[in-house]
Amino acid sequence: MKKSYKPTLIFFFILTLTTILFGFLYYGTFNLLVFINTSFFFSGLFLSLSLLILVTKNGFFDGITFGFRKIIASRQMDKDLENDIRNEMRPPSELVDPISLFPMFTGSFLLFLCMIFSLFGYYYS
């Protein structure tokens, strides 16, 4: 089973270009410190988002949503509506199932590593 790294590299380059563009637009100039600051923001944002998707995809929030559904359904007066609420709604793990997590996680992790190497280069030069 051969895994393609093309989506990861595409996501990494798009994220890097977005970091450079946002840094130039926000700070008005672009240097190594601006790259470190903006790449920290974007890599942290996408790493957090990918880890949240990973936790949701593994079914952590399924029990919580089932409990909320059970409470909401028990407060309904109509029994048909109660059964619809319990049985019709899909758990969150099924909703995020088609999202491909590997390119987003590895692309943002590569940007984080670039930020760390740039930080070492900034402080030790």
PDB file of N, CA and C in Angstrom:
ATOM      1  N   MET A   1       0.847  -1.166   0.000  1.00  0.00           N
ATOM      2  CA  MET A   1       0.000   0.000   0.000  1.00  0.00           C
ATOM      3  C   MET A   1       0.897   1.235   0.000  1.00  0.00           C
ATOM      4  N   LYS A   2       0.905   1.946  -1.098  1.00  0.00           N
ATOM      5  CA  LYS A   2       1.753   3.117  -1.253  1.00  0.00           C
ATOM      6  C   LYS A   2       0.937   4.372  -0.969  1.00  0.00           C
ATOM      7  N   LYS A   3       1.458   5.216  -0.077  1.00  0.00           N
ATOM      8  CA  LYS A   3       0.771   6.442   0.287  1.00  0.00           C
ATOM      9  C   LYS A   3       1.359   7.597  -0.508  1.00  0.00           C
ATOM     10  N   SER A   4       0.508   8.418  -1.072  1.00  0.00           N
ATOM     11  CA  SER A   4       0.947   9.560  -1.863  1.00  0.00           C
ATOM     12  C   SER A   4       1.157  10.761  -0.938  1.00  0.00           C
ATOM     13  N   TYR A   5       2.276  11.416  -1.120  1.00  0.00           N
ATOM     14  CA  TYR A   5       2.580  12.594  -0.313  1.00  0.00           C
ATOM     15  C   TYR A   5       2.291  13.886  -1.059  1.00  0.00           C
ATOM     16  N   LYS A   6       1.701  13.788  -2.234  1.00  0.00           N
ATOM     17  CA  LYS A   6       1.403  14.974  -3.025  1.00  0.00           C
ATOM     18  C   LYS A   6       0.395  15.894  -2.333  1.00  0.00           C
ATOM     19  N   PRO A   7      -0.726  15.393  -1.764  1.00  0.00           N
ATOM     20  CA  PRO A   7      -1.651  16.304  -1.071  1.00  0.00           C
ATOM     21  C   PRO A   7      -1.008  16.999   0.131  1.00  0.00           C
ATOM     22  N   THR A   8      -0.109  16.295   0.817  1.00  0.00           N
ATOM     23  CA  THR A   8       0.570  16.904   1.955  1.00  0.00           C
ATOM     24  C   THR A   8       1.466  18.044   1.506  1.00  0.00           C
ATOM     25  N   LEU A   9       2.211  17.827   0.437  1.00  0.00           N
ATOM     26  CA  LEU A   9       3.097  18.881  -0.064  1.00  0.00           C
ATOM     27  C   LEU A   9       2.304  20.061  -0.616  1.00  0.00           C
ATOM     28  N   ILE A  10       1.198  19.784  -1.276  1.00  0.00           N
ATOM     29  CA  ILE A  10       0.350  20.865  -1.778  1.00  0.00           C
ATOM     30  C   ILE A  10      -0.202  21.679  -0.619  1.00  0.00           C
ATOM     31  N   PHE A  11      -0.684  21.009   0.422  1.00  0.00           N
ATOM     32  CA  PHE A  11      -1.212  21.726   1.594  1.00  0.00           C
ATOM     33  C   PHE A  11      -0.101  22.516   2.279  1.00  0.00           C
ATOM     34  N   PHE A  12       1.095  21.944   2.374  1.00  0.00           N
ATOM     35  CA  PHE A  12       2.219  22.639   3.000  1.00  0.00           C
ATOM     36  C   PHE A  12       2.591  23.891   2.217  1.00  0.00           C
ATOM     37  N   PHE A  13       2.666  23.792   0.887  1.00  0.00           N
ATOM     38  CA  PHE A  13       3.029  24.962   0.092  1.00  0.00           C
ATOM     39  C   PHE A  13       1.943  26.037   0.127  1.00  0.00           C
ATOM     40  N   ILE A  14       0.682  25.630   0.104  1.00  0.00           N
ATOM     41  CA  ILE A  14      -0.406  26.602   0.220  1.00  0.00           C
ATOM     42  C   ILE A  14      -0.361  27.280   1.579  1.00  0.00           C
ATOM     43  N   LEU A  15      -0.113  26.514   2.622  1.00  0.00           N
ATOM     44  CA  LEU A  15      -0.027  27.076   3.966  1.00  0.00           C
ATOM     45  C   LEU A  15       1.173  27.998   4.104  1.00  0.00           C
ATOM     46  N   THR A  16       2.289  27.647   3.493  1.00  0.00           N
ATOM     47  CA  THR A  16       3.472  28.504   3.538  1.00  0.00           C
ATOM     48  C   THR A  16       3.245  29.794   2.772  1.00  0.00           C
ATOM     49  N   LEU A  17       2.648  29.708   1.588  1.00  0.00           N
ATOM     50  CA  LEU A  17       2.342  30.916   0.827  1.00  0.00           C
ATOM     51  C   LEU A  17       1.337  31.807   1.556  1.00  0.00           C
ATOM     52  N   THR A  18       0.355  31.189   2.203  1.00  0.00           N
ATOM     53  CA  THR A  18      -0.606  31.957   2.993  1.00  0.00           C
ATOM     54  C   THR A  18       0.093  32.646   4.164  1.00  0.00           C
ATOM     55  N   THR A  19       1.029  31.956   4.787  1.00  0.00           N
ATOM     56  CA  THR A  19       1.780  32.535   5.891  1.00  0.00           C
ATOM     57  C   THR A  19       2.591  33.738   5.423  1.00  0.00           C
ATOM     58  N   ILE A  20       3.266  33.595   4.293  1.00  0.00           N
ATOM     59  CA  ILE A  20       4.067  34.693   3.768  1.00  0.00           C
ATOM     60  C   ILE A  20       3.182  35.871   3.368  1.00  0.00           C
ATOM     61  N   LEU A  21       2.082  35.590   2.672  1.00  0.00           N
ATOM     62  CA  LEU A  21       1.178  36.643   2.243  1.00  0.00           C
ATOM     63  C   LEU A  21       0.540  37.358   3.432  1.00  0.00           C
ATOM     64  N   PHE A  22       0.055  36.599   4.411  1.00  0.00           N
ATOM     65  CA  PHE A  22      -0.562  37.205   5.582  1.00  0.00           C
ATOM     66  C   PHE A  22       0.455  38.014   6.382  1.00  0.00           C
ATOM     67  N   GLY A  23       1.669  37.500   6.511  1.00  0.00           N
ATOM     68  CA  GLY A  23       2.710  38.233   7.227  1.00  0.00           C
ATOM     69  C   GLY A  23       3.052  39.540   6.548  1.00  0.00           C
ATOM     70  N   PHE A  24       3.125  39.528   5.208  1.00  0.00           N
ATOM     71  CA  PHE A  24       3.431  40.748   4.481  1.00  0.00           C
ATOM     72  C   PHE A  24       2.281  41.746   4.573  1.00  0.00           C
ATOM     73  N   LEU A  25       1.047  41.267   4.470  1.00  0.00           N
ATOM     74  CA  LEU A  25      -0.101  42.171   4.539  1.00  0.00           C
ATOM     75  C   LEU A  25      -0.305  42.733   5.943  1.00  0.00           C
ATOM     76  N   TYR A  26      -0.093  41.933   6.970  1.00  0.00           N
ATOM     77  CA  TYR A  26      -0.361  42.376   8.333  1.00  0.00           C
ATOM     78  C   TYR A  26       0.756  43.274   8.867  1.00  0.00           C
ATOM     79  N   TYR A  27       2.000  42.888   8.641  1.00  0.00           N
ATOM     80  CA  TYR A  27       3.123  43.645   9.194  1.00  0.00           C
ATOM     81  C   TYR A  27       3.661  44.706   8.238  1.00  0.00           C
ATOM     82  N   GLY A  28       3.338  44.621   6.973  1.00  0.00           N
ATOM     83  CA  GLY A  28       3.811  45.596   6.007  1.00  0.00           C
ATOM     84  C   GLY A  28       5.215  45.320   5.502  1.00  0.00           C
ATOM     85  N   THR A  29       5.921  44.431   6.101  1.00  0.00           N
ATOM     86  CA  THR A  29       7.256  44.031   5.687  1.00  0.00           C
ATOM     87  C   THR A  29       7.371  42.530   5.893  1.00  0.00           C
ATOM     88  N   PHE A  30       8.434  41.965   5.378  1.00  0.00           N
ATOM     89  CA  PHE A  30       8.613  40.534   5.585  1.00  0.00           C
ATOM     90  C   PHE A  30      10.071  40.257   5.911  1.00  0.00           C
ATOM     91  N   ASN A  31      10.292  39.679   7.063  1.00  0.00           N
ATOM     92  CA  ASN A  31      11.618  39.225   7.472  1.00  0.00           C
ATOM     93  C   ASN A  31      11.452  37.913   8.236  1.00  0.00           C
ATOM     94  N   LEU A  32      12.546  37.430   8.807  1.00  0.00           N
ATOM     95  CA  LEU A  32      12.508  36.125   9.466  1.00  0.00           C
ATOM     96  C   LEU A  32      11.612  36.136  10.700  1.00  0.00           C
ATOM     97  N   LEU A  33      11.614  37.225  11.439  1.00  0.00           N
ATOM     98  CA  LEU A  33      10.775  37.314  12.635  1.00  0.00           C
ATOM     99  C   LEU A  33       9.289  37.307  12.276  1.00  0.00           C
ATOM    100  N   VAL A  34       8.929  37.977  11.199  1.00  0.00           N
ATOM    101  CA  VAL A  34       7.541  37.976  10.738  1.00  0.00           C
ATOM    102  C   VAL A  34       7.136  36.562  10.316  1.00  0.00           C
ATOM    103  N   PHE A  35       8.018  35.854   9.611  1.00  0.00           N
ATOM    104  CA  PHE A  35       7.724  34.476   9.212  1.00  0.00           C
ATOM    105  C   PHE A  35       7.539  33.582  10.433  1.00  0.00           C
ATOM    106  N   ILE A  36       8.386  33.762  11.447  1.00  0.00           N
ATOM    107  CA  ILE A  36       8.275  32.947  12.665  1.00  0.00           C
ATOM    108  C   ILE A  36       6.940  33.205  13.350  1.00  0.00           C
ATOM    109  N   ASN A  37       6.560  34.466  13.471  1.00  0.00           N
ATOM    110  CA  ASN A  37       5.311  34.802  14.158  1.00  0.00           C
ATOM    111  C   ASN A  37       4.086  34.283  13.411  1.00  0.00           C
ATOM    112  N   THR A  38       4.032  34.514  12.105  1.00  0.00           N
ATOM    113  CA  THR A  38       2.842  34.094  11.361  1.00  0.00           C
ATOM    114  C   THR A  38       2.796  32.575  11.171  1.00  0.00           C
ATOM    115  N   SER A  39       3.945  31.943  11.007  1.00  0.00           N
ATOM    116  CA  SER A  39       3.919  30.483  10.873  1.00  0.00           C
ATOM    117  C   SER A  39       3.552  29.815  12.193  1.00  0.00           C
ATOM    118  N   PHE A  40       3.910  30.433  13.319  1.00  0.00           N
ATOM    119  CA  PHE A  40       3.471  29.899  14.607  1.00  0.00           C
ATOM    120  C   PHE A  40       1.953  29.949  14.711  1.00  0.00           C
ATOM    121  N   PHE A  41       1.370  31.053  14.284  1.00  0.00           N
ATOM    122  CA  PHE A  41      -0.087  31.197  14.335  1.00  0.00           C
ATOM    123  C   PHE A  41      -0.783  30.174  13.443  1.00  0.00           C
ATOM    124  N   PHE A  42      -0.365  30.099  12.168  1.00  0.00           N
ATOM    125  CA  PHE A  42      -1.047  29.203  11.231  1.00  0.00           C
ATOM    126  C   PHE A  42      -0.795  27.730  11.545  1.00  0.00           C
ATOM    127  N   SER A  43       0.424  27.377  11.918  1.00  0.00           N
ATOM    128  CA  SER A  43       0.679  25.966  12.234  1.00  0.00           C
ATOM    129  C   SER A  43      -0.059  25.559  13.509  1.00  0.00           C
ATOM    130  N   GLY A  44      -0.100  26.439  14.495  1.00  0.00           N
ATOM    131  CA  GLY A  44      -0.854  26.125  15.714  1.00  0.00           C
ATOM    132  C   GLY A  44      -2.336  25.985  15.451  1.00  0.00           C
ATOM    133  N   LEU A  45      -2.867  26.864  14.603  1.00  0.00           N
ATOM    134  CA  LEU A  45      -4.289  26.804  14.265  1.00  0.00           C
ATOM    135  C   LEU A  45      -4.640  25.498  13.559  1.00  0.00           C
ATOM    136  N   PHE A  46      -3.858  25.129  12.542  1.00  0.00           N
ATOM    137  CA  PHE A  46      -4.180  23.921  11.785  1.00  0.00           C
ATOM    138  C   PHE A  46      -3.817  22.640  12.536  1.00  0.00           C
ATOM    139  N   LEU A  47      -2.797  22.677  13.379  1.00  0.00           N
ATOM    140  CA  LEU A  47      -2.521  21.499  14.219  1.00  0.00           C
ATOM    141  C   LEU A  47      -3.656  21.277  15.211  1.00  0.00           C
ATOM    142  N   SER A  48      -4.143  22.353  15.827  1.00  0.00           N
ATOM    143  CA  SER A  48      -5.262  22.218  16.761  1.00  0.00           C
ATOM    144  C   SER A  48      -6.516  21.726  16.055  1.00  0.00           C
ATOM    145  N   LEU A  49      -6.778  22.270  14.871  1.00  0.00           N
ATOM    146  CA  LEU A  49      -7.952  21.837  14.118  1.00  0.00           C
ATOM    147  C   LEU A  49      -7.852  20.373  13.715  1.00  0.00           C
ATOM    148  N   SER A  50      -6.674  19.939  13.277  1.00  0.00           N
ATOM    149  CA  SER A  50      -6.529  18.539  12.867  1.00  0.00           C
ATOM    150  C   SER A  50      -6.622  17.601  14.068  1.00  0.00           C
ATOM    151  N   LEU A  51      -6.104  18.012  15.221  1.00  0.00           N
ATOM    152  CA  LEU A  51      -6.239  17.162  16.406  1.00  0.00           C
ATOM    153  C   LEU A  51      -7.683  17.102  16.900  1.00  0.00           C
ATOM    154  N   LEU A  52      -8.427  18.211  16.772  1.00  0.00           N
ATOM    155  CA  LEU A  52      -9.844  18.193  17.124  1.00  0.00           C
ATOM    156  C   LEU A  52     -10.617  17.255  16.196  1.00  0.00           C
ATOM    157  N   ILE A  53     -10.287  17.283  14.908  1.00  0.00           N
ATOM    158  CA  ILE A  53     -10.938  16.365  13.958  1.00  0.00           C
ATOM    159  C   ILE A  53     -10.578  14.920  14.284  1.00  0.00           C
ATOM    160  N   LEU A  54      -9.330  14.679  14.680  1.00  0.00           N
ATOM    161  CA  LEU A  54      -8.911  13.327  15.042  1.00  0.00           C
ATOM    162  C   LEU A  54      -9.683  12.817  16.253  1.00  0.00           C
ATOM    163  N   VAL A  55      -9.844  13.648  17.258  1.00  0.00           N
ATOM    164  CA  VAL A  55     -10.576  13.242  18.461  1.00  0.00           C
ATOM    165  C   VAL A  55     -12.049  12.999  18.121  1.00  0.00           C
ATOM    166  N   THR A  56     -12.613  13.861  17.294  1.00  0.00           N
ATOM    167  CA  THR A  56     -14.015  13.697  16.899  1.00  0.00           C
ATOM    168  C   THR A  56     -14.199  12.460  16.041  1.00  0.00           C
ATOM    169  N   LYS A  57     -13.253  12.217  15.144  1.00  0.00           N
ATOM    170  CA  LYS A  57     -13.344  11.072  14.244  1.00  0.00           C
ATOM    171  C   LYS A  57     -13.258   9.742  14.996  1.00  0.00           C
ATOM    172  N   ASN A  58     -12.535   9.716  16.104  1.00  0.00           N
ATOM    173  CA  ASN A  58     -12.395   8.486  16.882  1.00  0.00           C
ATOM    174  C   ASN A  58     -13.568   8.237  17.820  1.00  0.00           C
ATOM    175  N   GLY A  59     -14.551   9.130  17.837  1.00  0.00           N
ATOM    176  CA  GLY A  59     -15.783   8.867  18.564  1.00  0.00           C
ATOM    177  C   GLY A  59     -15.818   9.374  19.986  1.00  0.00           C
ATOM    178  N   PHE A  60     -14.957  10.300  20.347  1.00  0.00           N
ATOM    179  CA  PHE A  60     -14.951  10.804  21.722  1.00  0.00           C
ATOM    180  C   PHE A  60     -16.233  11.549  22.050  1.00  0.00           C
ATOM    181  N   PHE A  61     -16.759  12.317  21.113  1.00  0.00           N
ATOM    182  CA  PHE A  61     -17.945  13.131  21.376  1.00  0.00           C
ATOM    183  C   PHE A  61     -19.254  12.417  21.090  1.00  0.00           C
ATOM    184  N   ASP A  62     -19.209  11.160  20.643  1.00  0.00           N
ATOM    185  CA  ASP A  62     -20.443  10.423  20.343  1.00  0.00           C
ATOM    186  C   ASP A  62     -21.282  10.196  21.601  1.00  0.00           C
ATOM    187  N   GLY A  63     -20.635   9.822  22.678  1.00  0.00           N
ATOM    188  CA  GLY A  63     -21.370   9.592  23.925  1.00  0.00           C
ATOM    189  C   GLY A  63     -21.962  10.870  24.486  1.00  0.00           C
ATOM    190  N   ILE A  64     -21.246  11.958  24.342  1.00  0.00           N
ATOM    191  CA  ILE A  64     -21.747  13.237  24.839  1.00  0.00           C
ATOM    192  C   ILE A  64     -22.977  13.666  24.053  1.00  0.00           C
ATOM    193  N   THR A  65     -22.899  13.564  22.736  1.00  0.00           N
ATOM    194  CA  THR A  65     -24.053  13.963  21.928  1.00  0.00           C
ATOM    195  C   THR A  65     -25.233  13.000  22.118  1.00  0.00           C
ATOM    196  N   PHE A  66     -24.943  11.718  22.350  1.00  0.00           N
ATOM    197  CA  PHE A  66     -26.033  10.784  22.614  1.00  0.00           C
ATOM    198  C   PHE A  66     -26.737  11.154  23.919  1.00  0.00           C
ATOM    199  N   GLY A  67     -25.956  11.556  24.928  1.00  0.00           N
ATOM    200  CA  GLY A  67     -26.555  11.970  26.195  1.00  0.00           C
ATOM    201  C   GLY A  67     -27.408  13.214  26.043  1.00  0.00           C
ATOM    202  N   PHE A  68     -26.924  14.198  25.291  1.00  0.00           N
ATOM    203  CA  PHE A  68     -27.715  15.399  25.056  1.00  0.00           C
ATOM    204  C   PHE A  68     -28.979  15.084  24.270  1.00  0.00           C
ATOM    205  N   ARG A  69     -28.861  14.195  23.286  1.00  0.00           N
ATOM    206  CA  ARG A  69     -30.047  13.802  22.524  1.00  0.00           C
ATOM    207  C   ARG A  69     -31.077  13.121  23.404  1.00  0.00           C
ATOM    208  N   LYS A  70     -30.610  12.289  24.309  1.00  0.00           N
ATOM    209  CA  LYS A  70     -31.514  11.573  25.203  1.00  0.00           C
ATOM    210  C   LYS A  70     -32.241  12.546  26.135  1.00  0.00           C
ATOM    211  N   ILE A  71     -31.504  13.530  26.629  1.00  0.00           N
ATOM    212  CA  ILE A  71     -32.125  14.523  27.516  1.00  0.00           C
ATOM    213  C   ILE A  71     -33.133  15.371  26.754  1.00  0.00           C
ATOM    214  N   ILE A  72     -32.763  15.834  25.573  1.00  0.00           N
ATOM    215  CA  ILE A  72     -33.674  16.665  24.778  1.00  0.00           C
ATOM    216  C   ILE A  72     -34.905  15.869  24.360  1.00  0.00           C
ATOM    217  N   ALA A  73     -34.713  14.615  23.982  1.00  0.00           N
ATOM    218  CA  ALA A  73     -35.842  13.791  23.548  1.00  0.00           C
ATOM    219  C   ALA A  73     -36.777  13.471  24.711  1.00  0.00           C
ATOM    220  N   SER A  74     -36.254  13.332  25.913  1.00  0.00           N
ATOM    221  CA  SER A  74     -37.122  13.025  27.043  1.00  0.00           C
ATOM    222  C   SER A  74     -37.978  14.220  27.445  1.00  0.00           C
ATOM    223  N   ARG A  75     -37.567  15.414  27.077  1.00  0.00           N
ATOM    224  CA  ARG A  75     -38.349  16.615  27.401  1.00  0.00           C
ATOM    225  C   ARG A  75     -39.402  16.930  26.347  1.00  0.00           C
ATOM    226  N   GLN A  76     -39.408  16.205  25.244  1.00  0.00           N
ATOM    227  CA  GLN A  76     -40.392  16.446  24.194  1.00  0.00           C
ATOM    228  C   GLN A  76     -41.717  15.799  24.575  1.00  0.00           C
ATOM    229  N   MET A  77     -42.791  16.457  24.222  1.00  0.00           N
ATOM    230  CA  MET A  77     -44.117  15.936  24.535  1.00  0.00           C
ATOM    231  C   MET A  77     -44.558  14.878  23.520  1.00  0.00           C
ATOM    232  N   ASP A  78     -44.130  15.052  22.291  1.00  0.00           N
ATOM    233  CA  ASP A  78     -44.549  14.155  21.221  1.00  0.00           C
ATOM    234  C   ASP A  78     -43.593  12.952  21.174  1.00  0.00           C
ATOM    235  N   LYS A  79     -44.118  11.754  21.308  1.00  0.00           N
ATOM    236  CA  LYS A  79     -43.279  10.545  21.331  1.00  0.00           C
ATOM    237  C   LYS A  79     -42.678  10.243  19.965  1.00  0.00           C
ATOM    238  N   ASP A  80     -43.377  10.591  18.883  1.00  0.00           N
ATOM    239  CA  ASP A  80     -42.800  10.378  17.554  1.00  0.00           C
ATOM    240  C   ASP A  80     -41.590  11.275  17.336  1.00  0.00           C
ATOM    241  N   LEU A  81     -41.701  12.497  17.803  1.00  0.00           N
ATOM    242  CA  LEU A  81     -40.571  13.418  17.699  1.00  0.00           C
ATOM    243  C   LEU A  81     -39.419  12.940  18.566  1.00  0.00           C
ATOM    244  N   GLU A  82     -39.731  12.340  19.703  1.00  0.00           N
ATOM    245  CA  GLU A  82     -38.698  11.798  20.585  1.00  0.00           C
ATOM    246  C   GLU A  82     -37.916  10.688  19.885  1.00  0.00           C
ATOM    247  N   ASN A  83     -38.613   9.781  19.211  1.00  0.00           N
ATOM    248  CA  ASN A  83     -37.936   8.705  18.487  1.00  0.00           C
ATOM    249  C   ASN A  83     -37.131   9.239  17.304  1.00  0.00           C
ATOM    250  N   ASP A  84     -37.669  10.265  16.628  1.00  0.00           N
ATOM    251  CA  ASP A  84     -36.928  10.862  15.518  1.00  0.00           C
ATOM    252  C   ASP A  84     -35.631  11.488  15.993  1.00  0.00           C
ATOM    253  N   ILE A  85     -35.673  12.190  17.108  1.00  0.00           N
ATOM    254  CA  ILE A  85     -34.468  12.842  17.626  1.00  0.00           C
ATOM    255  C   ILE A  85     -33.432  11.797  18.022  1.00  0.00           C
ATOM    256  N   ARG A  86     -33.864  10.719  18.620  1.00  0.00           N
ATOM    257  CA  ARG A  86     -32.913   9.695  19.063  1.00  0.00           C
ATOM    258  C   ARG A  86     -32.307   8.909  17.904  1.00  0.00           C
ATOM    259  N   ASN A  87     -33.101   8.598  16.911  1.00  0.00           N
ATOM    260  CA  ASN A  87     -32.657   7.676  15.870  1.00  0.00           C
ATOM    261  C   ASN A  87     -32.166   8.346  14.592  1.00  0.00           C
ATOM    262  N   GLU A  88     -32.626   9.550  14.302  1.00  0.00           N
ATOM    263  CA  GLU A  88     -32.349  10.142  13.011  1.00  0.00           C
ATOM    264  C   GLU A  88     -31.012  10.879  12.961  1.00  0.00           C
ATOM    265  N   MET A  89     -30.593  11.448  14.050  1.00  0.00           N
ATOM    266  CA  MET A  89     -29.362  12.239  14.041  1.00  0.00           C
ATOM    267  C   MET A  89     -28.136  11.328  14.018  1.00  0.00           C
ATOM    268  N   ARG A  90     -27.162  11.706  13.182  1.00  0.00           N
ATOM    269  CA  ARG A  90     -25.936  10.919  13.084  1.00  0.00           C
ATOM    270  C   ARG A  90     -24.931  11.407  14.120  1.00  0.00           C
ATOM    271  N   PRO A  91     -24.094  10.518  14.629  1.00  0.00           N
ATOM    272  CA  PRO A  91     -23.066  10.944  15.582  1.00  0.00           C
ATOM    273  C   PRO A  91     -21.989  11.773  14.892  1.00  0.00           C
ATOM    274  N   PRO A  92     -21.263  12.605  15.634  1.00  0.00           N
ATOM    275  CA  PRO A  92     -20.231  13.460  15.034  1.00  0.00           C
ATOM    276  C   PRO A  92     -19.114  12.680  14.347  1.00  0.00           C
ATOM    277  N   SER A  93     -18.819  11.476  14.821  1.00  0.00           N
ATOM    278  CA  SER A  93     -17.751  10.700  14.189  1.00  0.00           C
ATOM    279  C   SER A  93     -18.108  10.306  12.758  1.00  0.00           C
ATOM    280  N   GLU A  94     -19.394  10.153  12.454  1.00  0.00           N
ATOM    281  CA  GLU A  94     -19.812   9.865  11.086  1.00  0.00           C
ATOM    282  C   GLU A  94     -19.821  11.122  10.225  1.00  0.00           C
ATOM    283  N   LEU A  95     -19.987  12.284  10.846  1.00  0.00           N
ATOM    284  CA  LEU A  95     -20.029  13.526  10.082  1.00  0.00           C
ATOM    285  C   LEU A  95     -18.645  13.943   9.595  1.00  0.00           C
ATOM    286  N   VAL A  96     -17.602  13.692  10.378  1.00  0.00           N
ATOM    287  CA  VAL A  96     -16.256  14.091   9.979  1.00  0.00           C
ATOM    288  C   VAL A  96     -15.498  12.946   9.332  1.00  0.00           C
ATOM    289  N   ASP A  97     -16.150  11.840   9.072  1.00  0.00           N
ATOM    290  CA  ASP A  97     -15.485  10.674   8.499  1.00  0.00           C
ATOM    291  C   ASP A  97     -14.871  10.934   7.125  1.00  0.00           C
ATOM    292  N   PRO A  98     -15.520  11.681   6.216  1.00  0.00           N
ATOM    293  CA  PRO A  98     -14.900  11.855   4.901  1.00  0.00           C
ATOM    294  C   PRO A  98     -13.725  12.841   4.886  1.00  0.00           C
ATOM    295  N   ILE A  99     -13.478  13.560   5.959  1.00  0.00           N
ATOM    296  CA  ILE A  99     -12.393  14.534   5.980  1.00  0.00           C
ATOM    297  C   ILE A  99     -11.060  13.800   6.061  1.00  0.00           C
ATOM    298  N   SER A 100     -10.180  14.103   5.122  1.00  0.00           N
ATOM    299  CA  SER A 100      -8.856  13.492   5.112  1.00  0.00           C
ATOM    300  C   SER A 100      -7.958  14.259   6.072  1.00  0.00           C
ATOM    301  N   LEU A 101      -7.485  13.599   7.084  1.00  0.00           N
ATOM    302  CA  LEU A 101      -6.739  14.237   8.155  1.00  0.00           C
ATOM    303  C   LEU A 101      -5.239  14.268   7.899  1.00  0.00           C
ATOM    304  N   PHE A 102      -4.711  13.315   7.163  1.00  0.00           N
ATOM    305  CA  PHE A 102      -3.269  13.167   6.999  1.00  0.00           C
ATOM    306  C   PHE A 102      -2.602  14.382   6.343  1.00  0.00           C
ATOM    307  N   PRO A 103      -3.115  14.912   5.216  1.00  0.00           N
ATOM    308  CA  PRO A 103      -2.437  16.071   4.621  1.00  0.00           C
ATOM    309  C   PRO A 103      -2.461  17.313   5.496  1.00  0.00           C
ATOM    310  N   MET A 104      -3.571  17.554   6.184  1.00  0.00           N
ATOM    311  CA  MET A 104      -3.660  18.745   7.021  1.00  0.00           C
ATOM    312  C   MET A 104      -2.720  18.642   8.215  1.00  0.00           C
ATOM    313  N   PHE A 105      -2.676  17.483   8.852  1.00  0.00           N
ATOM    314  CA  PHE A 105      -1.824  17.330  10.028  1.00  0.00           C
ATOM    315  C   PHE A 105      -0.347  17.394   9.657  1.00  0.00           C
ATOM    316  N   THR A 106       0.054  16.656   8.642  1.00  0.00           N
ATOM    317  CA  THR A 106       1.475  16.629   8.300  1.00  0.00           C
ATOM    318  C   THR A 106       1.930  17.939   7.662  1.00  0.00           C
ATOM    319  N   GLY A 107       1.068  18.590   6.878  1.00  0.00           N
ATOM    320  CA  GLY A 107       1.430  19.880   6.297  1.00  0.00           C
ATOM    321  C   GLY A 107       1.619  20.948   7.357  1.00  0.00           C
ATOM    322  N   SER A 108       0.720  20.988   8.333  1.00  0.00           N
ATOM    323  CA  SER A 108       0.868  21.971   9.406  1.00  0.00           C
ATOM    324  C   SER A 108       2.029  21.614  10.327  1.00  0.00           C
ATOM    325  N   PHE A 109       2.314  20.333  10.488  1.00  0.00           N
ATOM    326  CA  PHE A 109       3.470  19.937  11.292  1.00  0.00           C
ATOM    327  C   PHE A 109       4.773  20.304  10.589  1.00  0.00           C
ATOM    328  N   LEU A 110       4.815  20.177   9.260  1.00  0.00           N
ATOM    329  CA  LEU A 110       5.997  20.619   8.507  1.00  0.00           C
ATOM    330  C   LEU A 110       6.199  22.122   8.636  1.00  0.00           C
ATOM    331  N   LEU A 111       5.114  22.889   8.615  1.00  0.00           N
ATOM    332  CA  LEU A 111       5.233  24.334   8.809  1.00  0.00           C
ATOM    333  C   LEU A 111       5.719  24.636  10.224  1.00  0.00           C
ATOM    334  N   PHE A 112       5.261  23.876  11.188  1.00  0.00           N
ATOM    335  CA  PHE A 112       5.725  24.052  12.569  1.00  0.00           C
ATOM    336  C   PHE A 112       7.227  23.758  12.671  1.00  0.00           C
ATOM    337  N   LEU A 113       7.685  22.708  11.993  1.00  0.00           N
ATOM    338  CA  LEU A 113       9.121  22.406  12.000  1.00  0.00           C
ATOM    339  C   LEU A 113       9.928  23.509  11.310  1.00  0.00           C
ATOM    340  N   CYS A 114       9.396  24.067  10.228  1.00  0.00           N
ATOM    341  CA  CYS A 114      10.065  25.201   9.578  1.00  0.00           C
ATOM    342  C   CYS A 114      10.144  26.391  10.530  1.00  0.00           C
ATOM    343  N   MET A 115       9.106  26.607  11.297  1.00  0.00           N
ATOM    344  CA  MET A 115       9.108  27.694  12.268  1.00  0.00           C
ATOM    345  C   MET A 115      10.157  27.448  13.341  1.00  0.00           C
ATOM    346  N   ILE A 116      10.279  26.209  13.821  1.00  0.00           N
ATOM    347  CA  ILE A 116      11.282  25.887  14.851  1.00  0.00           C
ATOM    348  C   ILE A 116      12.695  26.085  14.302  1.00  0.00           C
ATOM    349  N   PHE A 117      12.959  25.605  13.087  1.00  0.00           N
ATOM    350  CA  PHE A 117      14.287  25.794  12.493  1.00  0.00           C
ATOM    351  C   PHE A 117      14.575  27.273  12.250  1.00  0.00           C
ATOM    352  N   SER A 118      13.570  28.029  11.844  1.00  0.00           N
ATOM    353  CA  SER A 118      13.767  29.475  11.653  1.00  0.00           C
ATOM    354  C   SER A 118      14.016  30.163  12.989  1.00  0.00           C
ATOM    355  N   LEU A 119      13.374  29.694  14.024  1.00  0.00           N
ATOM    356  CA  LEU A 119      13.589  30.264  15.356  1.00  0.00           C
ATOM    357  C   LEU A 119      15.001  30.022  15.842  1.00  0.00           C
ATOM    358  N   PHE A 120      15.507  28.802  15.631  1.00  0.00           N
ATOM    359  CA  PHE A 120      16.907  28.525  15.985  1.00  0.00           C
ATOM    360  C   PHE A 120      17.860  29.365  15.154  1.00  0.00           C
ATOM    361  N   GLY A 121      17.571  29.502  13.869  1.00  0.00           N
ATOM    362  CA  GLY A 121      18.397  30.345  13.013  1.00  0.00           C
ATOM    363  C   GLY A 121      18.382  31.802  13.414  1.00  0.00           C
ATOM    364  N   TYR A 122      17.229  32.274  13.895  1.00  0.00           N
ATOM    365  CA  TYR A 122      17.108  33.673  14.318  1.00  0.00           C
ATOM    366  C   TYR A 122      17.882  33.933  15.602  1.00  0.00           C
ATOM    367  N   TYR A 123      17.811  33.020  16.556  1.00  0.00           N
ATOM    368  CA  TYR A 123      18.458  33.258  17.836  1.00  0.00           C
ATOM    369  C   TYR A 123      19.938  32.928  17.848  1.00  0.00           C
ATOM    370  N   TYR A 124      20.381  32.043  16.982  1.00  0.00           N
ATOM    371  CA  TYR A 124      21.787  31.651  16.998  1.00  0.00           C
ATOM    372  C   TYR A 124      22.583  32.281  15.848  1.00  0.00           C
ATOM    373  N   SER A 125      22.052  33.308  15.209  1.00  0.00           N
ATOM    374  CA  SER A 125      22.827  33.977  14.166  1.00  0.00           C
ATOM    375  C   SER A 125      23.188  35.392  14.566  1.00  0.00           C
TER     376      SER A 125
END
